[in-house]
């Protein structure tokens, strides 16, 4: 193998390593973005569950109050 061929191969290896590093950085960034989106979606879902629970608590208290008033003579 000639010195020039060897240098070309080493340069190509370096280019490939840099490309791999860039892909790994991009993959990590995309993964983190996906995680943030999942957390945001989970927070929205949690908010909806809290709203529904609050409504059920209000309904339950109103129902108990109605039943209590109906039992009194």
Foldseek 3Di string as FASTA:
>chain_A
DDPVVVVVVVVVVVVVVVVVVVVVVVVVVVVVVVVVVVVVVVVVVVVVVVVVVVVVVVVVVVVVVVVVVVPDD
